[in-house]
Amino acid sequence: MNRPSGSSLVAIALPLALLLLGAASLGWYSASNLEDSRVMVGATNRVLDETREILILSLSAETSQRGFILTGNDDYLRPYEEALG
């Protein structure tokens, strides 16, 4: 039986080692980006929640103003005054 020479083992092992090192580096880089993405998604969700709250308060204020203008009833101004705060 022929045993592979030392140089042929190095020719096989070196590219395999480089491939494994590259795969490990890519995995670490992906994991790092994943955590950064999670942080950014959390911040985006907080901004969206605050934006929705502002929209709801604005619509409530607009609706209450319209009710007051149409009826002259001061009760309609309560949501408007709350939205101003």
PDB file of N, CA and C in Angstrom:
ATOM      1  N   MET A   1       0.817  -1.171   0.000  1.00  0.00           N
ATOM      2  CA  MET A   1       0.000   0.000   0.000  1.00  0.00           C
ATOM      3  C   MET A   1       0.873   1.251   0.000  1.00  0.00           C
ATOM      4  N   ASN A   2       0.451   2.226  -0.791  1.00  0.00           N
ATOM      5  CA  ASN A   2       1.198   3.483  -0.834  1.00  0.00           C
ATOM      6  C   ASN A   2       0.676   4.425   0.235  1.00  0.00           C
ATOM      7  N   ARG A   3       1.586   4.919   1.012  1.00  0.00           N
ATOM      8  CA  ARG A   3       1.200   5.937   1.998  1.00  0.00           C
ATOM      9  C   ARG A   3       1.358   7.300   1.357  1.00  0.00           C
ATOM     10  N   PRO A   4       0.383   8.229   1.634  1.00  0.00           N
ATOM     11  CA  PRO A   4       0.521   9.561   1.062  1.00  0.00           C
ATOM     12  C   PRO A   4       1.755  10.244   1.637  1.00  0.00           C
ATOM     13  N   SER A   5       2.400  11.032   0.809  1.00  0.00           N
ATOM     14  CA  SER A   5       3.589  11.736   1.269  1.00  0.00           C
ATOM     15  C   SER A   5       3.179  12.923   2.134  1.00  0.00           C
ATOM     16  N   GLY A   6       4.130  13.456   2.857  1.00  0.00           N
ATOM     17  CA  GLY A   6       3.866  14.592   3.743  1.00  0.00           C
ATOM     18  C   GLY A   6       3.384  15.808   2.989  1.00  0.00           C
ATOM     19  N   SER A   7       3.928  16.034   1.814  1.00  0.00           N
ATOM     20  CA  SER A   7       3.524  17.220   1.047  1.00  0.00           C
ATOM     21  C   SER A   7       2.094  17.092   0.531  1.00  0.00           C
ATOM     22  N   SER A   8       1.653  15.868   0.205  1.00  0.00           N
ATOM     23  CA  SER A   8       0.277  15.715  -0.263  1.00  0.00           C
ATOM     24  C   SER A   8      -0.707  15.869   0.895  1.00  0.00           C
ATOM     25  N   LEU A   9      -0.315  15.465   2.104  1.00  0.00           N
ATOM     26  CA  LEU A   9      -1.177  15.684   3.272  1.00  0.00           C
ATOM     27  C   LEU A   9      -1.316  17.171   3.568  1.00  0.00           C
ATOM     28  N   VAL A  10      -0.226  17.901   3.450  1.00  0.00           N
ATOM     29  CA  VAL A  10      -0.277  19.347   3.669  1.00  0.00           C
ATOM     30  C   VAL A  10      -1.140  20.002   2.589  1.00  0.00           C
ATOM     31  N   ALA A  11      -1.048  19.517   1.372  1.00  0.00           N
ATOM     32  CA  ALA A  11      -1.828  20.077   0.268  1.00  0.00           C
ATOM     33  C   ALA A  11      -3.318  19.860   0.487  1.00  0.00           C
ATOM     34  N   ILE A  12      -3.688  18.832   1.213  1.00  0.00           N
ATOM     35  CA  ILE A  12      -5.098  18.565   1.509  1.00  0.00           C
ATOM     36  C   ILE A  12      -5.518  19.278   2.787  1.00  0.00           C
ATOM     37  N   ALA A  13      -4.676  19.231   3.815  1.00  0.00           N
ATOM     38  CA  ALA A  13      -5.032  19.761   5.133  1.00  0.00           C
ATOM     39  C   ALA A  13      -5.073  21.285   5.148  1.00  0.00           C
ATOM     40  N   LEU A  14      -4.165  21.940   4.463  1.00  0.00           N
ATOM     41  CA  LEU A  14      -4.108  23.400   4.492  1.00  0.00           C
ATOM     42  C   LEU A  14      -5.368  24.042   3.905  1.00  0.00           C
ATOM     43  N   PRO A  15      -5.833  23.671   2.725  1.00  0.00           N
ATOM     44  CA  PRO A  15      -7.085  24.269   2.223  1.00  0.00           C
ATOM     45  C   PRO A  15      -8.285  23.946   3.120  1.00  0.00           C
ATOM     46  N   LEU A  16      -8.309  22.723   3.683  1.00  0.00           N
ATOM     47  CA  LEU A  16      -9.398  22.348   4.575  1.00  0.00           C
ATOM     48  C   LEU A  16      -9.387  23.217   5.834  1.00  0.00           C
ATOM     49  N   ALA A  17      -8.204  23.450   6.390  1.00  0.00           N
ATOM     50  CA  ALA A  17      -8.086  24.301   7.578  1.00  0.00           C
ATOM     51  C   ALA A  17      -8.509  25.730   7.258  1.00  0.00           C
ATOM     52  N   LEU A  18      -8.103  26.243   6.109  1.00  0.00           N
ATOM     53  CA  LEU A  18      -8.504  27.595   5.706  1.00  0.00           C
ATOM     54  C   LEU A  18     -10.011  27.690   5.493  1.00  0.00           C
ATOM     55  N   LEU A  19     -10.598  26.658   4.935  1.00  0.00           N
ATOM     56  CA  LEU A  19     -12.043  26.630   4.735  1.00  0.00           C
ATOM     57  C   LEU A  19     -12.781  26.652   6.072  1.00  0.00           C
ATOM     58  N   LEU A  20     -12.317  25.861   7.018  1.00  0.00           N
ATOM     59  CA  LEU A  20     -12.938  25.833   8.346  1.00  0.00           C
ATOM     60  C   LEU A  20     -12.768  27.165   9.071  1.00  0.00           C
ATOM     61  N   LEU A  21     -11.587  27.759   8.948  1.00  0.00           N
ATOM     62  CA  LEU A  21     -11.354  29.062   9.560  1.00  0.00           C
ATOM     63  C   LEU A  21     -12.271  30.117   8.946  1.00  0.00           C
ATOM     64  N   GLY A  22     -12.440  30.074   7.636  1.00  0.00           N
ATOM     65  CA  GLY A  22     -13.343  31.014   6.971  1.00  0.00           C
ATOM     66  C   GLY A  22     -14.787  30.824   7.405  1.00  0.00           C
ATOM     67  N   ALA A  23     -15.204  29.578   7.534  1.00  0.00           N
ATOM     68  CA  ALA A  23     -16.580  29.301   7.967  1.00  0.00           C
ATOM     69  C   ALA A  23     -16.802  29.788   9.397  1.00  0.00           C
ATOM     70  N   ALA A  24     -15.818  29.577  10.273  1.00  0.00           N
ATOM     71  CA  ALA A  24     -15.939  30.035  11.657  1.00  0.00           C
ATOM     72  C   ALA A  24     -16.006  31.559  11.719  1.00  0.00           C
ATOM     73  N   SER A  25     -15.185  32.225  10.917  1.00  0.00           N
ATOM     74  CA  SER A  25     -15.194  33.689  10.883  1.00  0.00           C
ATOM     75  C   SER A  25     -16.532  34.217  10.389  1.00  0.00           C
ATOM     76  N   LEU A  26     -17.065  33.588   9.368  1.00  0.00           N
ATOM     77  CA  LEU A  26     -18.356  33.996   8.831  1.00  0.00           C
ATOM     78  C   LEU A  26     -19.465  33.792   9.866  1.00  0.00           C
ATOM     79  N   GLY A  27     -19.403  32.714  10.593  1.00  0.00           N
ATOM     80  CA  GLY A  27     -20.393  32.464  11.646  1.00  0.00           C
ATOM     81  C   GLY A  27     -20.334  33.507  12.739  1.00  0.00           C
ATOM     82  N   TRP A  28     -19.123  33.870  13.163  1.00  0.00           N
ATOM     83  CA  TRP A  28     -18.974  34.897  14.199  1.00  0.00           C
ATOM     84  C   TRP A  28     -19.504  36.233  13.701  1.00  0.00           C
ATOM     85  N   TYR A  29     -19.161  36.591  12.464  1.00  0.00           N
ATOM     86  CA  TYR A  29     -19.614  37.850  11.883  1.00  0.00           C
ATOM     87  C   TYR A  29     -21.142  37.891  11.794  1.00  0.00           C
ATOM     88  N   SER A  30     -21.751  36.798  11.397  1.00  0.00           N
ATOM     89  CA  SER A  30     -23.213  36.735  11.292  1.00  0.00           C
ATOM     90  C   SER A  30     -23.871  36.873  12.658  1.00  0.00           C
ATOM     91  N   ALA A  31     -23.306  36.233  13.666  1.00  0.00           N
ATOM     92  CA  ALA A  31     -23.862  36.325  15.022  1.00  0.00           C
ATOM     93  C   ALA A  31     -23.759  37.748  15.545  1.00  0.00           C
ATOM     94  N   SER A  32     -22.671  38.414  15.253  1.00  0.00           N
ATOM     95  CA  SER A  32     -22.484  39.797  15.679  1.00  0.00           C
ATOM     96  C   SER A  32     -23.514  40.707  15.005  1.00  0.00           C
ATOM     97  N   ASN A  33     -23.719  40.525  13.718  1.00  0.00           N
ATOM     98  CA  ASN A  33     -24.709  41.325  12.993  1.00  0.00           C
ATOM     99  C   ASN A  33     -26.124  41.046  13.473  1.00  0.00           C
ATOM    100  N   LEU A  34     -26.400  39.820  13.862  1.00  0.00           N
ATOM    101  CA  LEU A  34     -27.723  39.459  14.348  1.00  0.00           C
ATOM    102  C   LEU A  34     -28.055  40.227  15.625  1.00  0.00           C
ATOM    103  N   GLU A  35     -27.103  40.323  16.537  1.00  0.00           N
ATOM    104  CA  GLU A  35     -27.339  41.052  17.782  1.00  0.00           C
ATOM    105  C   GLU A  35     -27.548  42.540  17.499  1.00  0.00           C
ATOM    106  N   ASP A  36     -26.753  43.103  16.603  1.00  0.00           N
ATOM    107  CA  ASP A  36     -26.943  44.512  16.228  1.00  0.00           C
ATOM    108  C   ASP A  36     -28.328  44.727  15.622  1.00  0.00           C
ATOM    109  N   SER A  37     -28.773  43.800  14.813  1.00  0.00           N
ATOM    110  CA  SER A  37     -30.095  43.903  14.188  1.00  0.00           C
ATOM    111  C   SER A  37     -31.196  43.834  15.233  1.00  0.00           C
ATOM    112  N   ARG A  38     -31.031  42.980  16.225  1.00  0.00           N
ATOM    113  CA  ARG A  38     -32.043  42.886  17.292  1.00  0.00           C
ATOM    114  C   ARG A  38     -32.179  44.203  18.042  1.00  0.00           C
ATOM    115  N   VAL A  39     -31.060  44.841  18.333  1.00  0.00           N
ATOM    116  CA  VAL A  39     -31.078  46.131  19.026  1.00  0.00           C
ATOM    117  C   VAL A  39     -31.788  47.170  18.170  1.00  0.00           C
ATOM    118  N   MET A  40     -31.475  47.193  16.879  1.00  0.00           N
ATOM    119  CA  MET A  40     -32.094  48.169  15.983  1.00  0.00           C
ATOM    120  C   MET A  40     -33.593  47.917  15.825  1.00  0.00           C
ATOM    121  N   VAL A  41     -34.010  46.672  15.783  1.00  0.00           N
ATOM    122  CA  VAL A  41     -35.439  46.348  15.681  1.00  0.00           C
ATOM    123  C   VAL A  41     -36.172  46.812  16.936  1.00  0.00           C
ATOM    124  N   GLY A  42     -35.559  46.614  18.104  1.00  0.00           N
ATOM    125  CA  GLY A  42     -36.175  47.080  19.350  1.00  0.00           C
ATOM    126  C   GLY A  42     -36.368  48.583  19.349  1.00  0.00           C
ATOM    127  N   ALA A  43     -35.352  49.316  18.914  1.00  0.00           N
ATOM    128  CA  ALA A  43     -35.452  50.778  18.858  1.00  0.00           C
ATOM    129  C   ALA A  43     -36.514  51.205  17.847  1.00  0.00           C
ATOM    130  N   THR A  44     -36.580  50.538  16.724  1.00  0.00           N
ATOM    131  CA  THR A  44     -37.582  50.857  15.703  1.00  0.00           C
ATOM    132  C   THR A  44     -38.990  50.612  16.236  1.00  0.00           C
ATOM    133  N   ASN A  45     -39.178  49.519  16.955  1.00  0.00           N
ATOM    134  CA  ASN A  45     -40.500  49.232  17.516  1.00  0.00           C
ATOM    135  C   ASN A  45     -40.916  50.279  18.538  1.00  0.00           C
ATOM    136  N   ARG A  46     -39.968  50.776  19.339  1.00  0.00           N
ATOM    137  CA  ARG A  46     -40.299  51.834  20.304  1.00  0.00           C
ATOM    138  C   ARG A  46     -40.723  53.105  19.583  1.00  0.00           C
ATOM    139  N   VAL A  47     -40.019  53.454  18.506  1.00  0.00           N
ATOM    140  CA  VAL A  47     -40.381  54.651  17.732  1.00  0.00           C
ATOM    141  C   VAL A  47     -41.760  54.478  17.110  1.00  0.00           C
ATOM    142  N   LEU A  48     -42.034  53.302  16.571  1.00  0.00           N
ATOM    143  CA  LEU A  48     -43.354  53.051  15.975  1.00  0.00           C
ATOM    144  C   LEU A  48     -44.459  53.144  17.022  1.00  0.00           C
ATOM    145  N   ASP A  49     -44.233  52.603  18.219  1.00  0.00           N
ATOM    146  CA  ASP A  49     -45.240  52.686  19.286  1.00  0.00           C
ATOM    147  C   ASP A  49     -45.511  54.139  19.668  1.00  0.00           C
ATOM    148  N   GLU A  50     -44.457  54.933  19.805  1.00  0.00           N
ATOM    149  CA  GLU A  50     -44.639  56.343  20.164  1.00  0.00           C
ATOM    150  C   GLU A  50     -45.343  57.100  19.045  1.00  0.00           C
ATOM    151  N   THR A  51     -45.019  56.776  17.812  1.00  0.00           N
ATOM    152  CA  THR A  51     -45.672  57.428  16.673  1.00  0.00           C
ATOM    153  C   THR A  51     -47.154  57.099  16.637  1.00  0.00           C
ATOM    154  N   ARG A  52     -47.481  55.831  16.889  1.00  0.00           N
ATOM    155  CA  ARG A  52     -48.910  55.443  16.933  1.00  0.00           C
ATOM    156  C   ARG A  52     -49.645  56.192  18.035  1.00  0.00           C
ATOM    157  N   GLU A  53     -49.002  56.333  19.193  1.00  0.00           N
ATOM    158  CA  GLU A  53     -49.647  57.036  20.300  1.00  0.00           C
ATOM    159  C   GLU A  53     -49.907  58.496  19.942  1.00  0.00           C
ATOM    160  N   ILE A  54     -48.939  59.136  19.290  1.00  0.00           N
ATOM    161  CA  ILE A  54     -49.117  60.526  18.854  1.00  0.00           C
ATOM    162  C   ILE A  54     -50.247  60.627  17.836  1.00  0.00           C
ATOM    163  N   LEU A  55     -50.322  59.680  16.921  1.00  0.00           N
ATOM    164  CA  LEU A  55     -51.392  59.682  15.920  1.00  0.00           C
ATOM    165  C   LEU A  55     -52.760  59.549  16.589  1.00  0.00           C
ATOM    166  N   ILE A  56     -52.871  58.639  17.550  1.00  0.00           N
ATOM    167  CA  ILE A  56     -54.150  58.442  18.239  1.00  0.00           C
ATOM    168  C   ILE A  56     -54.554  59.708  18.995  1.00  0.00           C
ATOM    169  N   LEU A  57     -53.587  60.323  19.701  1.00  0.00           N
ATOM    170  CA  LEU A  57     -53.901  61.552  20.429  1.00  0.00           C
ATOM    171  C   LEU A  57     -54.298  62.678  19.468  1.00  0.00           C
ATOM    172  N   SER A  58     -53.629  62.775  18.343  1.00  0.00           N
ATOM    173  CA  SER A  58     -53.955  63.813  17.356  1.00  0.00           C
ATOM    174  C   SER A  58     -55.355  63.614  16.791  1.00  0.00           C
ATOM    175  N   LEU A  59     -55.680  62.366  16.463  1.00  0.00           N
ATOM    176  CA  LEU A  59     -57.022  62.090  15.931  1.00  0.00           C
ATOM    177  C   LEU A  59     -58.097  62.372  16.968  1.00  0.00           C
ATOM    178  N   SER A  60     -57.814  62.043  18.228  1.00  0.00           N
ATOM    179  CA  SER A  60     -58.777  62.308  19.294  1.00  0.00           C
ATOM    180  C   SER A  60     -58.973  63.810  19.472  1.00  0.00           C
ATOM    181  N   ALA A  61     -57.883  64.564  19.437  1.00  0.00           N
ATOM    182  CA  ALA A  61     -57.985  66.019  19.583  1.00  0.00           C
ATOM    183  C   ALA A  61     -58.768  66.623  18.421  1.00  0.00           C
ATOM    184  N   GLU A  62     -58.475  66.169  17.217  1.00  0.00           N
ATOM    185  CA  GLU A  62     -59.175  66.690  16.040  1.00  0.00           C
ATOM    186  C   GLU A  62     -60.670  66.372  16.106  1.00  0.00           C
ATOM    187  N   THR A  63     -60.988  65.152  16.486  1.00  0.00           N
ATOM    188  CA  THR A  63     -62.395  64.742  16.583  1.00  0.00           C
ATOM    189  C   THR A  63     -63.126  65.546  17.651  1.00  0.00           C
ATOM    190  N   SER A  64     -62.460  65.773  18.797  1.00  0.00           N
ATOM    191  CA  SER A  64     -63.130  66.523  19.866  1.00  0.00           C
ATOM    192  C   SER A  64     -63.309  67.985  19.474  1.00  0.00           C
ATOM    193  N   GLN A  65     -62.343  68.551  18.765  1.00  0.00           N
ATOM    194  CA  GLN A  65     -62.507  69.925  18.284  1.00  0.00           C
ATOM    195  C   GLN A  65     -63.708  70.026  17.349  1.00  0.00           C
ATOM    196  N   ARG A  66     -63.800  69.072  16.446  1.00  0.00           N
ATOM    197  CA  ARG A  66     -64.916  69.064  15.500  1.00  0.00           C
ATOM    198  C   ARG A  66     -66.247  68.952  16.254  1.00  0.00           C
ATOM    199  N   GLY A  67     -66.301  68.089  17.260  1.00  0.00           N
ATOM    200  CA  GLY A  67     -67.527  67.940  18.049  1.00  0.00           C
ATOM    201  C   GLY A  67     -67.902  69.228  18.757  1.00  0.00           C
ATOM    202  N   PHE A  68     -66.904  69.919  19.292  1.00  0.00           N
ATOM    203  CA  PHE A  68     -67.182  71.187  19.971  1.00  0.00           C
ATOM    204  C   PHE A  68     -67.684  72.237  18.985  1.00  0.00           C
ATOM    205  N   ILE A  69     -67.033  72.302  17.819  1.00  0.00           N
ATOM    206  CA  ILE A  69     -67.451  73.306  16.828  1.00  0.00           C
ATOM    207  C   ILE A  69     -68.878  73.051  16.356  1.00  0.00           C
ATOM    208  N   LEU A  70     -69.221  71.765  16.168  1.00  0.00           N
ATOM    209  CA  LEU A  70     -70.562  71.444  15.674  1.00  0.00           C
ATOM    210  C   LEU A  70     -71.636  71.614  16.734  1.00  0.00           C
ATOM    211  N   THR A  71     -71.320  71.326  17.991  1.00  0.00           N
ATOM    212  CA  THR A  71     -72.352  71.333  19.028  1.00  0.00           C
ATOM    213  C   THR A  71     -72.230  72.500  20.000  1.00  0.00           C
ATOM    214  N   GLY A  72     -71.019  73.048  20.166  1.00  0.00           N
ATOM    215  CA  GLY A  72     -70.825  74.089  21.167  1.00  0.00           C
ATOM    216  C   GLY A  72     -70.751  73.519  22.576  1.00  0.00           C
ATOM    217  N   ASN A  73     -70.774  72.200  22.716  1.00  0.00           N
ATOM    218  CA  ASN A  73     -70.759  71.542  24.021  1.00  0.00           C
ATOM    219  C   ASN A  73     -69.310  71.426  24.515  1.00  0.00           C
ATOM    220  N   ASP A  74     -69.040  71.988  25.715  1.00  0.00           N
ATOM    221  CA  ASP A  74     -67.682  71.966  26.269  1.00  0.00           C
ATOM    222  C   ASP A  74     -67.194  70.557  26.608  1.00  0.00           C
ATOM    223  N   ASP A  75     -68.090  69.600  26.750  1.00  0.00           N
ATOM    224  CA  ASP A  75     -67.674  68.225  27.056  1.00  0.00           C
ATOM    225  C   ASP A  75     -66.783  67.651  25.951  1.00  0.00           C
ATOM    226  N   TYR A  76     -66.968  68.122  24.739  1.00  0.00           N
ATOM    227  CA  TYR A  76     -66.158  67.620  23.628  1.00  0.00           C
ATOM    228  C   TYR A  76     -64.704  68.098  23.701  1.00  0.00           C
ATOM    229  N   LEU A  77     -64.447  69.138  24.476  1.00  0.00           N
ATOM    230  CA  LEU A  77     -63.091  69.669  24.560  1.00  0.00           C
ATOM    231  C   LEU A  77     -62.193  68.872  25.509  1.00  0.00           C
ATOM    232  N   ARG A  78     -62.766  68.025  26.340  1.00  0.00           N
ATOM    233  CA  ARG A  78     -61.954  67.250  27.299  1.00  0.00           C
ATOM    234  C   ARG A  78     -60.875  66.400  26.604  1.00  0.00           C
ATOM    235  N   PRO A  79     -61.211  65.597  25.592  1.00  0.00           N
ATOM    236  CA  PRO A  79     -60.154  64.841  24.917  1.00  0.00           C
ATOM    237  C   PRO A  79     -59.109  65.735  24.247  1.00  0.00           C
ATOM    238  N   TYR A  80     -59.543  66.892  23.753  1.00  0.00           N
ATOM    239  CA  TYR A  80     -58.617  67.832  23.142  1.00  0.00           C
ATOM    240  C   TYR A  80     -57.619  68.355  24.183  1.00  0.00           C
ATOM    241  N   GLU A  81     -58.129  68.750  25.337  1.00  0.00           N
ATOM    242  CA  GLU A  81     -57.261  69.260  26.397  1.00  0.00           C
ATOM    243  C   GLU A  81     -56.315  68.182  26.929  1.00  0.00           C
ATOM    244  N   GLU A  82     -56.783  66.946  26.998  1.00  0.00           N
ATOM    245  CA  GLU A  82     -55.921  65.836  27.425  1.00  0.00           C
ATOM    246  C   GLU A  82     -54.817  65.585  26.405  1.00  0.00           C
ATOM    247  N   ALA A  83     -55.156  65.724  25.129  1.00  0.00           N
ATOM    248  CA  ALA A  83     -54.169  65.488  24.074  1.00  0.00           C
ATOM    249  C   ALA A  83     -53.089  66.577  24.084  1.00  0.00           C
ATOM    250  N   LEU A  84     -53.455  67.781  24.463  1.00  0.00           N
ATOM    251  CA  LEU A  84     -52.470  68.864  24.531  1.00  0.00           C
ATOM    252  C   LEU A  84     -51.399  68.564  25.569  1.00  0.00           C
ATOM    253  N   GLY A  85     -51.795  67.904  26.652  1.00  0.00           N
ATOM    254  CA  GLY A  85     -50.834  67.589  27.726  1.00  0.00           C
ATOM    255  C   GLY A  85     -49.843  66.587  27.275  1.00  0.00           C
TER     256      GLY A  85
END
